[in-house]
Amino acid sequence: MSGPARAARSRHRRDASVPPRARAARASILAAIADAAKNDCAADAKPKKGKGAPALFTAEQAELGKKTYEEKCAFCHAPDLNGRAGPALRGKFFAAPSHGYKLRDIFKIVAENMPATSPGSLSHEEYVQIMAYILLNNGYPAGDAAMTFEEISRSKVPLRFYEE
């Protein structure tokens, strides 16, 4: 008898020895666990792009940030921000609400530790522009007001991934 067939037969025997009331209780526990997992995933669901996302930077800042990112960051974090040697900088795993990150938390990591080969070597404006590009790639819309180093360093805006 093959492995999968043996496992199915063993599982059937094991279930047959469990009283019906216990089987019903187990099924209801498994259903509750599945519901809890579904609700937990729903809490991390991606809101629609731009819907509820604050406009914190200008399109020009994001465009300049893209150029600097391609020169200074893409080697480790990949051109599409999905990660390589360095972690992904976009998507639901980077910006899940359950992580509890604020924009200032991520910005501090970027501004103090990047690029890895020369931490803190970029200008304040370049770090702001890179952050604008990261936010744009996480569904934040560009707006009319320019983001500043001081503002993003103190920002309590939650980091989220807004679906594209």
C-alpha atoms as a PDB file:
ATOM      1  CA  MET A   1       0.000   0.000   0.000  1.00  0.00           C
ATOM      2  CA  SER A   2       1.381   3.414  -0.991  1.00  0.00           C
ATOM      3  CA  GLY A   3       2.143   6.208   1.510  1.00  0.00           C
ATOM      4  CA  PRO A   4      -0.888   8.442   0.735  1.00  0.00           C
ATOM      5  CA  ALA A   5      -3.281   5.486   0.727  1.00  0.00           C
ATOM      6  CA  ARG A   6      -1.842   4.233   4.033  1.00  0.00           C
ATOM      7  CA  ALA A   7      -2.199   7.704   5.569  1.00  0.00           C
ATOM      8  CA  ALA A   8      -5.822   8.013   4.399  1.00  0.00           C
ATOM      9  CA  ARG A   9      -6.678   4.559   5.765  1.00  0.00           C
ATOM     10  CA  SER A  10      -4.972   5.344   9.066  1.00  0.00           C
ATOM     11  CA  ARG A  11      -6.808   8.673   9.305  1.00  0.00           C
ATOM     12  CA  HIS A  12     -10.125   6.908   8.604  1.00  0.00           C
ATOM     13  CA  ARG A  13      -9.435   4.352  11.386  1.00  0.00           C
ATOM     14  CA  ARG A  14      -8.425   7.119  13.766  1.00  0.00           C
ATOM     15  CA  ASP A  15     -11.610   9.117  12.991  1.00  0.00           C
ATOM     16  CA  ALA A  16     -13.795   6.043  13.386  1.00  0.00           C
ATOM     17  CA  SER A  17     -12.498   5.522  16.921  1.00  0.00           C
ATOM     18  CA  VAL A  18     -13.394   9.113  17.917  1.00  0.00           C
ATOM     19  CA  PRO A  19     -16.911   9.490  19.327  1.00  0.00           C
ATOM     20  CA  PRO A  20     -19.290  11.544  17.127  1.00  0.00           C
ATOM     21  CA  ARG A  21     -19.607  14.299  19.748  1.00  0.00           C
ATOM     22  CA  ALA A  22     -15.814  14.721  19.883  1.00  0.00           C
ATOM     23  CA  ARG A  23     -15.630  14.765  16.072  1.00  0.00           C
ATOM     24  CA  ALA A  24     -18.254  17.531  16.011  1.00  0.00           C
ATOM     25  CA  ALA A  25     -16.340  19.498  18.645  1.00  0.00           C
ATOM     26  CA  ARG A  26     -13.106  19.098  16.669  1.00  0.00           C
ATOM     27  CA  ALA A  27     -14.845  20.251  13.485  1.00  0.00           C
ATOM     28  CA  SER A  28     -16.241  23.306  15.239  1.00  0.00           C
ATOM     29  CA  ILE A  29     -12.804  24.170  16.692  1.00  0.00           C
ATOM     30  CA  LEU A  30     -11.220  23.844  13.252  1.00  0.00           C
ATOM     31  CA  ALA A  31     -13.943  26.076  11.789  1.00  0.00           C
ATOM     32  CA  ALA A  32     -13.310  28.682  14.513  1.00  0.00           C
ATOM     33  CA  ILE A  33      -9.569  28.584  13.797  1.00  0.00           C
ATOM     34  CA  ALA A  34     -10.241  29.012  10.070  1.00  0.00           C
ATOM     35  CA  ASP A  35     -12.546  31.979  10.785  1.00  0.00           C
ATOM     36  CA  ALA A  36      -9.951  33.574  13.063  1.00  0.00           C
ATOM     37  CA  ALA A  37      -7.265  33.145  10.400  1.00  0.00           C
ATOM     38  CA  LYS A  38      -9.580  34.630   7.779  1.00  0.00           C
ATOM     39  CA  ASN A  39     -10.338  37.617  10.023  1.00  0.00           C
ATOM     40  CA  ASP A  40      -6.640  38.087  10.794  1.00  0.00           C
ATOM     41  CA  CYS A  41      -5.899  38.087   7.065  1.00  0.00           C
ATOM     42  CA  ALA A  42      -8.751  40.538   6.526  1.00  0.00           C
ATOM     43  CA  ALA A  43      -7.137  42.883   9.043  1.00  0.00           C
ATOM     44  CA  ASP A  44      -4.003  42.837   6.901  1.00  0.00           C
ATOM     45  CA  ALA A  45      -5.960  43.161   3.653  1.00  0.00           C
ATOM     46  CA  LYS A  46      -4.749  45.815   1.272  1.00  0.00           C
ATOM     47  CA  PRO A  47      -6.964  48.852   0.975  1.00  0.00           C
ATOM     48  CA  LYS A  48      -7.589  50.096  -2.547  1.00  0.00           C
ATOM     49  CA  LYS A  49      -4.815  52.234  -4.011  1.00  0.00           C
ATOM     50  CA  GLY A  50      -4.967  55.790  -2.772  1.00  0.00           C
ATOM     51  CA  LYS A  51      -8.209  55.186  -0.866  1.00  0.00           C
ATOM     52  CA  GLY A  52      -7.511  56.541   2.585  1.00  0.00           C
ATOM     53  CA  ALA A  53      -3.811  56.942   1.863  1.00  0.00           C
ATOM     54  CA  PRO A  54      -2.532  60.411   2.652  1.00  0.00           C
ATOM     55  CA  ALA A  55      -0.709  62.382  -0.045  1.00  0.00           C
ATOM     56  CA  LEU A  56       2.583  63.129   1.696  1.00  0.00           C
ATOM     57  CA  PHE A  57       4.958  63.941  -1.172  1.00  0.00           C
ATOM     58  CA  THR A  58       4.987  65.374  -4.660  1.00  0.00           C
ATOM     59  CA  ALA A  59       5.241  63.466  -7.935  1.00  0.00           C
ATOM     60  CA  GLU A  60       8.557  65.215  -8.554  1.00  0.00           C
ATOM     61  CA  GLN A  61       9.964  63.912  -5.254  1.00  0.00           C
ATOM     62  CA  ALA A  62       8.937  60.363  -6.156  1.00  0.00           C
ATOM     63  CA  GLU A  63      10.422  60.658  -9.656  1.00  0.00           C
ATOM     64  CA  LEU A  64      13.727  61.931  -8.267  1.00  0.00           C
ATOM     65  CA  GLY A  65      13.571  59.212  -5.631  1.00  0.00           C
ATOM     66  CA  LYS A  66      13.187  56.597  -8.340  1.00  0.00           C
ATOM     67  CA  LYS A  67      16.429  57.743  -9.975  1.00  0.00           C
ATOM     68  CA  THR A  68      18.338  57.712  -6.684  1.00  0.00           C
ATOM     69  CA  TYR A  69      16.799  54.360  -5.723  1.00  0.00           C
ATOM     70  CA  GLU A  70      17.908  52.835  -9.028  1.00  0.00           C
ATOM     71  CA  GLU A  71      21.473  54.094  -8.445  1.00  0.00           C
ATOM     72  CA  LYS A  72      21.842  53.431  -4.715  1.00  0.00           C
ATOM     73  CA  CYS A  73      19.253  50.846  -3.618  1.00  0.00           C
ATOM     74  CA  ALA A  74      18.125  48.579  -6.461  1.00  0.00           C
ATOM     75  CA  PHE A  75      21.213  46.379  -6.327  1.00  0.00           C
ATOM     76  CA  CYS A  76      20.161  45.013  -2.915  1.00  0.00           C
ATOM     77  CA  HIS A  77      16.402  45.655  -2.902  1.00  0.00           C
ATOM     78  CA  ALA A  78      15.740  44.907  -6.619  1.00  0.00           C
ATOM     79  CA  PRO A  79      14.525  47.352  -9.267  1.00  0.00           C
ATOM     80  CA  ASP A  80      10.884  46.446  -8.488  1.00  0.00           C
ATOM     81  CA  LEU A  81      11.427  46.881  -4.696  1.00  0.00           C
ATOM     82  CA  ASN A  82      10.552  43.202  -4.121  1.00  0.00           C
ATOM     83  CA  GLY A  83      13.863  42.450  -2.450  1.00  0.00           C
ATOM     84  CA  ARG A  84      17.054  40.601  -3.285  1.00  0.00           C
ATOM     85  CA  ALA A  85      19.937  40.594  -0.810  1.00  0.00           C
ATOM     86  CA  GLY A  86      18.010  43.284   1.078  1.00  0.00           C
ATOM     87  CA  PRO A  87      14.351  42.940   2.099  1.00  0.00           C
ATOM     88  CA  ALA A  88      11.377  43.916  -0.022  1.00  0.00           C
ATOM     89  CA  LEU A  89      10.334  47.567   0.285  1.00  0.00           C
ATOM     90  CA  ARG A  90       6.815  47.149  -1.052  1.00  0.00           C
ATOM     91  CA  GLY A  91       3.850  44.895  -0.586  1.00  0.00           C
ATOM     92  CA  LYS A  92       1.728  43.425   2.147  1.00  0.00           C
ATOM     93  CA  PHE A  93       4.641  41.769   3.958  1.00  0.00           C
ATOM     94  CA  PHE A  94       6.651  44.990   4.050  1.00  0.00           C
ATOM     95  CA  ALA A  95       3.765  47.225   5.068  1.00  0.00           C
ATOM     96  CA  ALA A  96       1.299  44.986   6.914  1.00  0.00           C
ATOM     97  CA  PRO A  97      -0.843  46.849   9.462  1.00  0.00           C
ATOM     98  CA  SER A  98      -0.130  44.075  11.986  1.00  0.00           C
ATOM     99  CA  HIS A  99       3.536  45.154  12.099  1.00  0.00           C
ATOM    100  CA  GLY A 100       2.509  48.485  13.627  1.00  0.00           C
ATOM    101  CA  TYR A 101       5.177  50.531  11.833  1.00  0.00           C
ATOM    102  CA  LYS A 102       4.861  54.261  11.418  1.00  0.00           C
ATOM    103  CA  LEU A 103       6.461  56.041   8.480  1.00  0.00           C
ATOM    104  CA  ARG A 104       9.074  57.543  10.815  1.00  0.00           C
ATOM    105  CA  ASP A 105      10.207  54.027  11.832  1.00  0.00           C
ATOM    106  CA  ILE A 106      10.987  52.960   8.280  1.00  0.00           C
ATOM    107  CA  PHE A 107      12.437  56.344   7.391  1.00  0.00           C
ATOM    108  CA  LYS A 108      14.807  56.189  10.363  1.00  0.00           C
ATOM    109  CA  ILE A 109      16.081  52.780   9.230  1.00  0.00           C
ATOM    110  CA  VAL A 110      16.590  54.054   5.679  1.00  0.00           C
ATOM    111  CA  ALA A 111      18.199  57.375   6.626  1.00  0.00           C
ATOM    112  CA  GLU A 112      20.539  55.954   9.265  1.00  0.00           C
ATOM    113  CA  ASN A 113      21.502  52.593   7.764  1.00  0.00           C
ATOM    114  CA  MET A 114      21.378  52.895   3.997  1.00  0.00           C
ATOM    115  CA  PRO A 115      22.991  52.415   1.629  1.00  0.00           C
ATOM    116  CA  ALA A 116      24.498  49.394   3.374  1.00  0.00           C
ATOM    117  CA  THR A 117      27.929  50.078   1.895  1.00  0.00           C
ATOM    118  CA  SER A 118      27.926  53.694   3.117  1.00  0.00           C
ATOM    119  CA  PRO A 119      25.229  54.349   5.747  1.00  0.00           C
ATOM    120  CA  GLY A 120      23.989  57.927   6.088  1.00  0.00           C
ATOM    121  CA  SER A 121      25.970  59.103   3.070  1.00  0.00           C
ATOM    122  CA  LEU A 122      23.082  60.594   1.082  1.00  0.00           C
ATOM    123  CA  SER A 123      21.670  64.068   1.514  1.00  0.00           C
ATOM    124  CA  HIS A 124      18.520  64.629   3.550  1.00  0.00           C
ATOM    125  CA  GLU A 125      16.681  65.462   0.344  1.00  0.00           C
ATOM    126  CA  GLU A 126      17.801  62.214  -1.333  1.00  0.00           C
ATOM    127  CA  TYR A 127      16.511  60.160   1.609  1.00  0.00           C
ATOM    128  CA  VAL A 128      13.174  62.006   1.450  1.00  0.00           C
ATOM    129  CA  GLN A 129      12.947  61.375  -2.294  1.00  0.00           C
ATOM    130  CA  ILE A 130      13.711  57.675  -1.875  1.00  0.00           C
ATOM    131  CA  MET A 131      11.040  57.474   0.830  1.00  0.00           C
ATOM    132  CA  ALA A 132       8.578  59.182  -1.533  1.00  0.00           C
ATOM    133  CA  TYR A 133       9.367  56.540  -4.160  1.00  0.00           C
ATOM    134  CA  ILE A 134       8.894  53.721  -1.625  1.00  0.00           C
ATOM    135  CA  LEU A 135       5.548  55.186  -0.534  1.00  0.00           C
ATOM    136  CA  LEU A 136       4.433  55.592  -4.146  1.00  0.00           C
ATOM    137  CA  ASN A 137       5.183  51.898  -4.708  1.00  0.00           C
ATOM    138  CA  ASN A 138       3.067  51.030  -1.691  1.00  0.00           C
ATOM    139  CA  GLY A 139       0.030  52.840  -3.088  1.00  0.00           C
ATOM    140  CA  TYR A 140       0.375  56.283  -1.507  1.00  0.00           C
ATOM    141  CA  PRO A 141      -0.669  59.020  -3.937  1.00  0.00           C
ATOM    142  CA  ALA A 142       1.473  62.024  -4.810  1.00  0.00           C
ATOM    143  CA  GLY A 143       0.057  65.362  -3.713  1.00  0.00           C
ATOM    144  CA  ASP A 144       0.753  69.073  -3.900  1.00  0.00           C
ATOM    145  CA  ALA A 145       2.839  69.494  -0.750  1.00  0.00           C
ATOM    146  CA  ALA A 146       6.466  68.420  -0.629  1.00  0.00           C
ATOM    147  CA  MET A 147       7.542  66.096   2.158  1.00  0.00           C
ATOM    148  CA  THR A 148      10.441  67.309   4.311  1.00  0.00           C
ATOM    149  CA  PHE A 149      13.113  65.440   6.247  1.00  0.00           C
ATOM    150  CA  GLU A 150      11.803  66.825   9.530  1.00  0.00           C
ATOM    151  CA  GLU A 151       8.172  65.897   8.794  1.00  0.00           C
ATOM    152  CA  ILE A 152       8.874  62.311   7.766  1.00  0.00           C
ATOM    153  CA  SER A 153      11.283  61.883  10.699  1.00  0.00           C
ATOM    154  CA  ARG A 154       8.386  62.660  13.085  1.00  0.00           C
ATOM    155  CA  SER A 155       5.528  61.135  11.084  1.00  0.00           C
ATOM    156  CA  LYS A 156       3.053  59.032  13.042  1.00  0.00           C
ATOM    157  CA  VAL A 157       1.231  57.991   9.858  1.00  0.00           C
ATOM    158  CA  PRO A 158       0.870  54.190   9.866  1.00  0.00           C
ATOM    159  CA  LEU A 159       2.772  52.340   7.151  1.00  0.00           C
ATOM    160  CA  ARG A 160       0.323  50.447   4.899  1.00  0.00           C
ATOM    161  CA  PHE A 161       0.277  48.774   1.519  1.00  0.00           C
ATOM    162  CA  TYR A 162      -2.540  50.149  -0.623  1.00  0.00           C
ATOM    163  CA  GLU A 163      -3.502  47.774  -3.411  1.00  0.00           C
ATOM    164  CA  GLU A 164      -2.694  48.814  -6.943  1.00  0.00           C
END
